Amino acid sequence: MDVVCCPLDKADLDLDVDDRDGEEILAGTLTCTECGEAYPIEDGIPNLLPPDMREEATA
């Protein structure tokens, strides 16, 4: 977590865990402490694409 930052403004991210398996985080959210943008964690993988690119990737 020390090396992960918001791709938009490089601010710190707060972690909110929804599901974990031991030490591994399976689902949750990383939220920017500055801009408030939320990045989902699904299947243990954080999606740190900016919001507009996330929408394009799922379309």
N, C-alpha and C. Protein backbone atom coordinates (compact mmCIF):
# COMPACT_ATOMS: atom_id res chain seq x y z
N MET A 1 0.82 -1.19 0.00
CA MET A 1 0.00 0.00 0.00
C MET A 1 0.86 1.26 0.00
N ASP A 2 2.10 1.17 0.42
CA ASP A 2 2.94 2.36 0.50
C ASP A 2 3.32 2.90 -0.87
N VAL A 3 3.30 2.06 -1.90
CA VAL A 3 3.71 2.52 -3.23
C VAL A 3 2.53 2.81 -4.15
N VAL A 4 1.31 2.51 -3.73
CA VAL A 4 0.13 2.73 -4.55
C VAL A 4 -0.43 4.12 -4.26
N CYS A 5 -0.72 4.87 -5.34
CA CYS A 5 -1.31 6.20 -5.17
C CYS A 5 -2.36 6.43 -6.24
N CYS A 6 -3.13 7.49 -6.07
CA CYS A 6 -4.17 7.84 -7.03
C CYS A 6 -3.53 8.19 -8.37
N PRO A 7 -3.98 7.58 -9.46
CA PRO A 7 -3.39 7.89 -10.76
C PRO A 7 -3.75 9.30 -11.25
N LEU A 8 -4.76 9.93 -10.66
CA LEU A 8 -5.16 11.26 -11.11
C LEU A 8 -4.34 12.37 -10.46
N ASP A 9 -4.15 12.29 -9.14
CA ASP A 9 -3.45 13.38 -8.46
C ASP A 9 -2.30 12.92 -7.56
N LYS A 10 -1.99 11.64 -7.61
CA LYS A 10 -0.86 11.05 -6.87
C LYS A 10 -1.01 11.13 -5.35
N ALA A 11 -2.23 11.33 -4.86
CA ALA A 11 -2.48 11.37 -3.42
C ALA A 11 -2.59 9.96 -2.86
N ASP A 12 -2.57 9.85 -1.54
CA ASP A 12 -2.70 8.56 -0.86
C ASP A 12 -4.10 7.98 -1.08
N LEU A 13 -4.18 6.66 -0.93
CA LEU A 13 -5.45 5.94 -1.07
C LEU A 13 -5.81 5.28 0.26
N ASP A 14 -7.09 5.35 0.62
CA ASP A 14 -7.60 4.64 1.80
C ASP A 14 -8.19 3.32 1.35
N LEU A 15 -7.91 2.27 2.08
CA LEU A 15 -8.38 0.93 1.76
C LEU A 15 -9.63 0.58 2.56
N ASP A 16 -10.64 0.08 1.87
CA ASP A 16 -11.86 -0.43 2.50
C ASP A 16 -12.02 -1.87 2.00
N VAL A 17 -11.89 -2.83 2.91
CA VAL A 17 -11.91 -4.25 2.55
C VAL A 17 -13.32 -4.81 2.69
N ASP A 18 -13.82 -5.44 1.63
CA ASP A 18 -15.12 -6.12 1.66
C ASP A 18 -14.98 -7.62 1.87
N ASP A 19 -13.89 -8.21 1.32
CA ASP A 19 -13.69 -9.66 1.41
C ASP A 19 -12.20 -9.94 1.40
N ARG A 20 -11.78 -10.86 2.25
CA ARG A 20 -10.36 -11.24 2.27
C ARG A 20 -10.23 -12.73 2.55
N ASP A 21 -9.07 -13.26 2.17
CA ASP A 21 -8.71 -14.65 2.41
C ASP A 21 -7.36 -14.62 3.11
N GLY A 22 -7.38 -14.64 4.44
CA GLY A 22 -6.14 -14.50 5.20
C GLY A 22 -5.59 -13.10 5.01
N GLU A 23 -4.39 -13.00 4.47
CA GLU A 23 -3.75 -11.71 4.22
C GLU A 23 -4.14 -11.10 2.87
N GLU A 24 -4.68 -11.92 1.98
CA GLU A 24 -5.02 -11.45 0.63
C GLU A 24 -6.38 -10.76 0.60
N ILE A 25 -6.40 -9.57 0.03
CA ILE A 25 -7.65 -8.82 -0.11
C ILE A 25 -8.28 -9.22 -1.45
N LEU A 26 -9.49 -9.77 -1.39
CA LEU A 26 -10.16 -10.25 -2.59
C LEU A 26 -11.09 -9.20 -3.20
N ALA A 27 -11.72 -8.38 -2.37
CA ALA A 27 -12.66 -7.37 -2.86
C ALA A 27 -12.65 -6.18 -1.91
N GLY A 28 -12.85 -5.02 -2.49
CA GLY A 28 -12.90 -3.81 -1.69
C GLY A 28 -12.77 -2.59 -2.57
N THR A 29 -12.34 -1.50 -1.95
CA THR A 29 -12.23 -0.23 -2.65
C THR A 29 -11.01 0.54 -2.15
N LEU A 30 -10.32 1.18 -3.07
CA LEU A 30 -9.28 2.14 -2.73
C LEU A 30 -9.84 3.51 -3.06
N THR A 31 -9.86 4.42 -2.08
CA THR A 31 -10.43 5.74 -2.28
C THR A 31 -9.38 6.81 -2.06
N CYS A 32 -9.29 7.75 -3.00
CA CYS A 32 -8.31 8.83 -2.94
C CYS A 32 -8.64 9.77 -1.79
N THR A 33 -7.63 10.13 -1.02
CA THR A 33 -7.82 11.03 0.11
C THR A 33 -8.00 12.48 -0.33
N GLU A 34 -7.64 12.81 -1.56
CA GLU A 34 -7.77 14.18 -2.06
C GLU A 34 -9.00 14.38 -2.92
N CYS A 35 -9.11 13.63 -4.03
CA CYS A 35 -10.20 13.87 -4.99
C CYS A 35 -11.43 13.01 -4.71
N GLY A 36 -11.30 11.97 -3.88
CA GLY A 36 -12.43 11.14 -3.52
C GLY A 36 -12.79 10.07 -4.54
N GLU A 37 -12.03 9.95 -5.62
CA GLU A 37 -12.30 8.91 -6.62
C GLU A 37 -12.08 7.53 -5.99
N ALA A 38 -12.99 6.60 -6.30
CA ALA A 38 -12.91 5.25 -5.75
C ALA A 38 -12.49 4.27 -6.85
N TYR A 39 -11.57 3.38 -6.50
CA TYR A 39 -11.05 2.38 -7.42
C TYR A 39 -11.40 1.00 -6.86
N PRO A 40 -12.10 0.18 -7.64
CA PRO A 40 -12.53 -1.13 -7.14
C PRO A 40 -11.39 -2.15 -7.08
N ILE A 41 -11.51 -3.06 -6.13
CA ILE A 41 -10.64 -4.24 -6.06
C ILE A 41 -11.55 -5.44 -6.30
N GLU A 42 -11.28 -6.19 -7.37
CA GLU A 42 -12.09 -7.35 -7.71
C GLU A 42 -11.18 -8.55 -7.96
N ASP A 43 -11.49 -9.67 -7.35
CA ASP A 43 -10.68 -10.89 -7.48
C ASP A 43 -9.23 -10.64 -7.08
N GLY A 44 -9.02 -9.75 -6.10
CA GLY A 44 -7.68 -9.47 -5.61
C GLY A 44 -6.88 -8.50 -6.44
N ILE A 45 -7.49 -7.92 -7.49
CA ILE A 45 -6.77 -7.03 -8.40
C ILE A 45 -7.38 -5.63 -8.33
N PRO A 46 -6.59 -4.61 -7.94
CA PRO A 46 -7.12 -3.24 -7.95
C PRO A 46 -7.16 -2.69 -9.37
N ASN A 47 -8.25 -2.04 -9.73
CA ASN A 47 -8.40 -1.41 -11.03
C ASN A 47 -8.11 0.07 -10.86
N LEU A 48 -6.87 0.46 -11.18
CA LEU A 48 -6.44 1.84 -10.98
C LEU A 48 -6.51 2.67 -12.25
N LEU A 49 -7.30 2.22 -13.22
CA LEU A 49 -7.51 3.03 -14.40
C LEU A 49 -8.32 4.27 -14.03
N PRO A 50 -8.01 5.42 -14.65
CA PRO A 50 -8.85 6.59 -14.42
C PRO A 50 -10.30 6.29 -14.80
N PRO A 51 -11.27 6.99 -14.21
CA PRO A 51 -12.69 6.68 -14.42
C PRO A 51 -13.10 6.59 -15.88
N ASP A 52 -12.66 7.52 -16.72
CA ASP A 52 -13.07 7.49 -18.13
C ASP A 52 -12.52 6.26 -18.84
N MET A 53 -11.33 5.81 -18.50
CA MET A 53 -10.75 4.63 -19.13
C MET A 53 -11.42 3.35 -18.61
N ARG A 54 -11.87 3.35 -17.34
CA ARG A 54 -12.58 2.19 -16.80
C ARG A 54 -13.88 1.97 -17.54
N GLU A 55 -14.59 3.05 -17.83
CA GLU A 55 -15.86 2.96 -18.54
C GLU A 55 -15.66 2.44 -19.96
N GLU A 56 -14.59 2.88 -20.65
CA GLU A 56 -14.27 2.41 -22.00
C GLU A 56 -13.93 0.93 -21.99
N ALA A 57 -13.21 0.48 -20.96
CA ALA A 57 -12.77 -0.91 -20.90
C ALA A 57 -13.93 -1.87 -20.68
N THR A 58 -15.00 -1.42 -20.03
CA THR A 58 -16.14 -2.30 -19.77
C THR A 58 -17.18 -2.22 -20.88
N ALA A 59 -17.05 -1.26 -21.77
CA ALA A 59 -18.03 -1.10 -22.87
C ALA A 59 -17.77 -2.07 -24.00
